[in-house]
Structures are given as structure tokens and as C-alpha cells.
Protein backbone atom coordinates (compact mmCIF):
# COMPACT_ATOMS: atom_id res chain seq x y z
CA MET A 1 12.11 -10.62 3.93
CA PRO A 2 8.96 -11.02 1.81
CA THR A 3 8.96 -9.12 -1.48
CA ASN A 4 6.36 -7.68 -3.79
CA ILE A 5 6.34 -5.55 -6.91
CA GLU A 6 4.10 -2.55 -6.53
CA ILE A 7 2.73 0.49 -8.25
CA LYS A 8 0.66 3.36 -6.96
CA ALA A 9 -1.42 5.67 -9.15
CA ARG A 10 -3.95 8.47 -8.85
CA VAL A 11 -7.50 7.48 -9.78
CA GLU A 12 -9.75 10.00 -11.49
CA ASP A 13 -12.96 7.93 -11.62
CA PHE A 14 -13.10 5.85 -8.43
CA GLU A 15 -16.40 4.10 -9.22
CA ALA A 16 -15.26 3.06 -12.72
CA MET A 17 -11.97 1.73 -11.33
CA LYS A 18 -13.88 -0.15 -8.62
CA ALA A 19 -16.01 -1.81 -11.30
CA ARG A 20 -12.89 -2.82 -13.27
CA ALA A 21 -11.22 -4.21 -10.12
CA GLU A 22 -14.36 -6.13 -9.18
CA SER A 23 -14.50 -7.70 -12.63
CA LEU A 24 -10.89 -8.92 -12.28
CA GLY A 25 -10.88 -9.99 -8.69
CA ASP A 26 -10.89 -13.68 -7.89
CA LYS A 27 -11.98 -12.54 -4.48
CA ILE A 28 -13.45 -9.31 -3.14
CA LEU A 29 -12.19 -9.33 0.39
CA GLU A 30 -13.38 -6.27 2.25
CA VAL A 31 -13.53 -2.55 2.81
CA ILE A 32 -11.00 -1.69 5.51
CA PRO A 33 -10.66 1.60 7.41
CA GLN A 34 -6.95 2.08 8.19
CA GLU A 35 -4.85 4.53 10.13
CA ASP A 36 -1.13 4.40 9.38
CA THR A 37 1.21 6.16 11.80
CA PHE A 38 4.65 6.66 10.26
CA PHE A 39 7.67 6.94 12.54
CA ASN A 40 10.98 8.68 11.95
CA THR A 41 13.62 6.24 10.69
CA GLU A 42 17.16 6.39 9.32
CA LYS A 43 16.26 4.19 6.33
CA GLY A 44 13.14 2.66 4.85
CA ARG A 45 9.71 3.37 6.29
CA LEU A 46 8.18 2.16 9.53
CA LYS A 47 4.43 2.41 10.09
CA LEU A 48 1.89 1.11 12.53
CA ARG A 49 -1.32 0.21 10.73
CA VAL A 50 -4.36 0.15 13.02
CA PHE A 51 -7.46 -1.75 11.92
CA ALA A 52 -9.25 -1.82 15.29
CA PRO A 53 -8.38 -1.10 18.95
CA ASP A 54 -7.23 -4.71 19.35
CA ARG A 55 -5.72 -5.31 15.90
CA GLY A 56 -2.79 -3.75 14.11
CA GLN A 57 0.39 -4.43 12.15
CA LEU A 58 3.82 -2.92 12.49
CA ILE A 59 5.22 -2.75 8.96
CA TYR A 60 8.80 -1.98 7.99
CA TYR A 61 9.53 -1.66 4.27
CA GLU A 62 12.19 -0.54 1.86
CA ARG A 63 11.34 0.50 -1.68
CA PRO A 64 12.70 3.02 -4.16
CA ASP A 65 10.67 6.15 -4.88
CA SER A 66 10.06 5.66 -8.60
CA GLY A 67 6.90 5.82 -10.68
CA GLY A 68 6.81 2.42 -12.37
CA PRO A 69 6.58 -1.08 -10.94
CA LYS A 70 9.15 -1.33 -8.17
CA ARG A 71 10.42 -3.88 -5.69
CA SER A 72 9.29 -3.54 -2.09
CA ASP A 73 10.86 -5.62 0.66
CA TYR A 74 8.78 -5.68 3.82
CA TYR A 75 8.38 -7.27 7.22
CA LEU A 76 5.11 -7.45 9.22
CA THR A 77 4.51 -7.93 12.93
CA GLU A 78 0.96 -8.41 14.20
CA THR A 79 -0.11 -6.70 17.41
CA SER A 80 -3.19 -6.96 19.61
CA ASN A 81 -2.32 -3.72 21.40
CA PRO A 82 -1.61 -1.08 18.74
CA ASP A 83 -2.18 1.89 21.07
CA ASN A 84 0.53 0.74 23.48
CA LEU A 85 2.92 0.02 20.61
CA LYS A 86 2.21 3.46 19.10
CA THR A 87 3.01 5.15 22.41
CA THR A 88 6.27 3.23 22.77
CA LEU A 89 7.41 3.89 19.20
CA SER A 90 6.44 7.56 19.30
CA MET A 91 8.48 8.02 22.49
CA ALA A 92 11.50 6.26 20.95
CA LEU A 93 11.38 7.50 17.35
CA GLY A 94 8.89 10.34 17.06
CA ILE A 95 5.89 10.42 14.75
CA ARG A 96 6.53 11.54 11.19
CA ALA A 97 2.88 11.70 10.04
CA VAL A 98 -0.48 9.91 10.16
CA VAL A 99 -2.31 8.71 7.03
CA LYS A 100 -6.00 7.80 7.27
CA LYS A 101 -7.68 5.92 4.46
CA THR A 102 -10.48 3.57 3.51
CA ARG A 103 -9.17 0.66 1.47
CA HIS A 104 -11.17 -1.55 -0.90
CA LEU A 105 -9.21 -4.79 -1.18
CA TYR A 106 -9.45 -7.25 -4.08
CA ILE A 107 -7.30 -10.25 -5.01
CA SER A 108 -6.57 -11.31 -8.59
CA GLY A 109 -4.16 -14.23 -8.84
CA GLN A 110 -1.07 -13.21 -6.87
CA THR A 111 -1.93 -9.51 -7.07
CA ARG A 112 -3.50 -7.51 -4.27
CA ILE A 113 -5.54 -4.66 -5.74
CA HIS A 114 -6.12 -1.74 -3.37
CA LEU A 115 -8.50 1.11 -4.12
CA ASP A 116 -7.81 3.77 -1.52
CA ASP A 117 -9.73 6.85 -0.47
CA VAL A 118 -7.01 8.79 1.36
CA GLU A 119 -8.06 11.58 3.71
CA GLY A 120 -6.74 14.91 2.43
CA LEU A 121 -5.35 13.44 -0.81
CA GLY A 122 -8.11 11.77 -2.81
CA HIS A 123 -8.40 8.44 -4.63
CA PHE A 124 -5.62 6.03 -5.53
CA MET A 125 -5.00 2.53 -6.86
CA GLU A 126 -2.21 0.36 -5.54
CA LEU A 127 -1.16 -2.97 -7.01
CA GLU A 128 1.02 -5.39 -5.06
CA VAL A 129 2.23 -8.46 -6.92
CA VAL A 130 3.32 -10.80 -4.12
CA LEU A 131 6.31 -12.74 -5.40
CA THR A 132 6.37 -16.47 -4.78
CA PRO A 133 9.58 -18.22 -3.67
CA GLY A 134 11.96 -18.37 -6.62
CA GLN A 135 9.93 -15.97 -8.74
CA SER A 136 12.02 -13.24 -10.36
CA GLU A 137 11.51 -9.52 -9.96
CA ALA A 138 11.15 -9.30 -13.76
CA GLU A 139 8.23 -11.77 -13.67
CA GLY A 140 6.53 -9.69 -10.99
CA GLN A 141 7.06 -6.49 -12.98
CA ALA A 142 5.54 -8.12 -16.08
CA ILE A 143 2.46 -9.13 -14.05
CA ALA A 144 2.16 -5.59 -12.65
CA GLU A 145 2.46 -4.02 -16.09
CA GLU A 146 -0.15 -6.38 -17.55
CA MET A 147 -2.51 -5.60 -14.65
CA MET A 148 -1.93 -1.85 -15.20
CA HIS A 149 -2.87 -2.29 -18.86
CA THR A 150 -5.96 -4.36 -18.02
CA LEU A 151 -7.16 -1.82 -15.43
CA GLY A 152 -6.42 1.15 -17.69
CA ILE A 153 -3.80 2.70 -15.41
CA ARG A 154 -1.87 5.27 -17.42
CA LYS A 155 1.83 5.90 -16.76
CA GLU A 156 1.22 9.63 -16.20
CA THR A 157 -1.01 8.81 -13.19
CA LEU A 158 1.74 6.82 -11.40
CA ILE A 159 3.18 8.34 -8.24
CA GLU A 160 6.68 7.83 -6.92
CA GLY A 161 6.53 7.86 -3.12
CA ALA A 162 4.16 6.86 -0.37
CA TYR A 163 0.98 8.57 0.80
CA VAL A 164 2.96 10.01 3.70
CA ASP A 165 5.27 11.77 1.21
CA LEU A 166 2.29 13.23 -0.64
CA LEU A 167 0.75 14.50 2.59
CA GLU A 168 4.01 16.14 3.63
CA SER A 169 4.35 17.91 0.28
CA HIS A 170 0.63 18.83 0.08
């Protein structure tokens, strides 16, 4: 299963954070509207991410709910028929919640920088350090911590769970 080290934090000044991310990014990829439907599961999290009527990803991941840089193991399956897949999964598992967001995606080295405007929750920053084969978790955590420092992400702004958890407790 692919692995990354990730953090998620609240962002107070979205435009300032965008400017910092743009200055770091090797590549500014795109602004992506996303709808994530989370399904009920015994362990981990399972979500269907819809980008367009003919493009989506089924994503299963396991990660601890802690505030600092943490390991996330995930598996992705592409789909060209997300609506049909959503119907099937909702019948089999039931829908836990739906998270809608607009994501600004940047790449800096092996780190994916996400600036998210999450409907009903506000603005967030997510860093995903995609580990390369043979790279240690400690190396990924060091990269994440350095990126946090560079972007000015304070420890008190870190959040522990996923957006779905925040919506459920909101």
C-alpha cells in the first residue's frame, strides 16, 4: 500500500497561505472542486472522491487521529462511473457523510500541498509527503515538519482527524 506522511491544519489567512504555497511550489497544478462521500466501515476510512460525472477515485486509507505529522497508508481505485459506484457502496455500506471542498493543489518536491475551502468548516492546509520506496517514516516526518516551519503552520492549528470527523462534531 502506498504511504505518505501528512498533517492537516486550520488556516486563518487563506490568501497569505496561498501566496506562501505558490512561492514554494515547483508546480501549481490546479484548483479542483471535490465531493467526498464517506461510507461506513469497520476500520479505516473509505471515501468516493468525485471530480466530474465521468471521473472519480475510491480511496481507502488508514491513519491515526493525531495532530502532528502522521503516517497514512492508502489505496486508490480510479472510476469512470462514480455515480454508479456511489449507489452500489451506499446500498452495501451506508453513507457516513459527504464533504464538499475546493482544493488548491501545489507540488513542492515530494510534498503535495493542499489548500482547502471546506463547505461548512472553513479553510485548511494539508501536507502530504509521499514516501519513496525505501524512504523511512522518520525522513517523511522531518520533511513535513520542515515544510510546516517554512509555511508558518503553528502546532496549535493542527487538527487530529479528517474533515468528515469535524463535520460530524460541528
